[in-house]
């Protein structure tokens, strides 16, 4: 799995262009709401992937990975998107062992994204980011 780990680190931590697109579409309010939703719902999705893998509910794990991938893509959390997408693909193929092996990476990349988004919020007094 070393090759996959190298691939994810090639992705930016946050793709600022996606955050800028959210701002263009709905201003700071939309972007702020999307960041807030990621903080509120992202952990639940990560936990649901873990729970689904642990209990054998692969549909739950796959659906949760897909939702997390989509949310991360919207915000430009590219590393989270990459790992969640890889887990989703592996579960679609029935490779639960490989999907389970990537869970630690998913959790790490999620926490990393929260840290970056949280720093962005702190630096701007909210979810406002410079263009």
Foldseek 3Di string as FASTA:
>chain_A
DVVLVVVLVVADQADVVLLVVQCVVPRLVRSQVLLVCCVVCVVVLLVQLVVCLVVVVLVSNLVSLVVNLVSCVNGRSRSLNSLSVVLNVCSVVVNSVVSVVSSVVNVVSSVSSNVVQVVCCVVVVGNDDDD
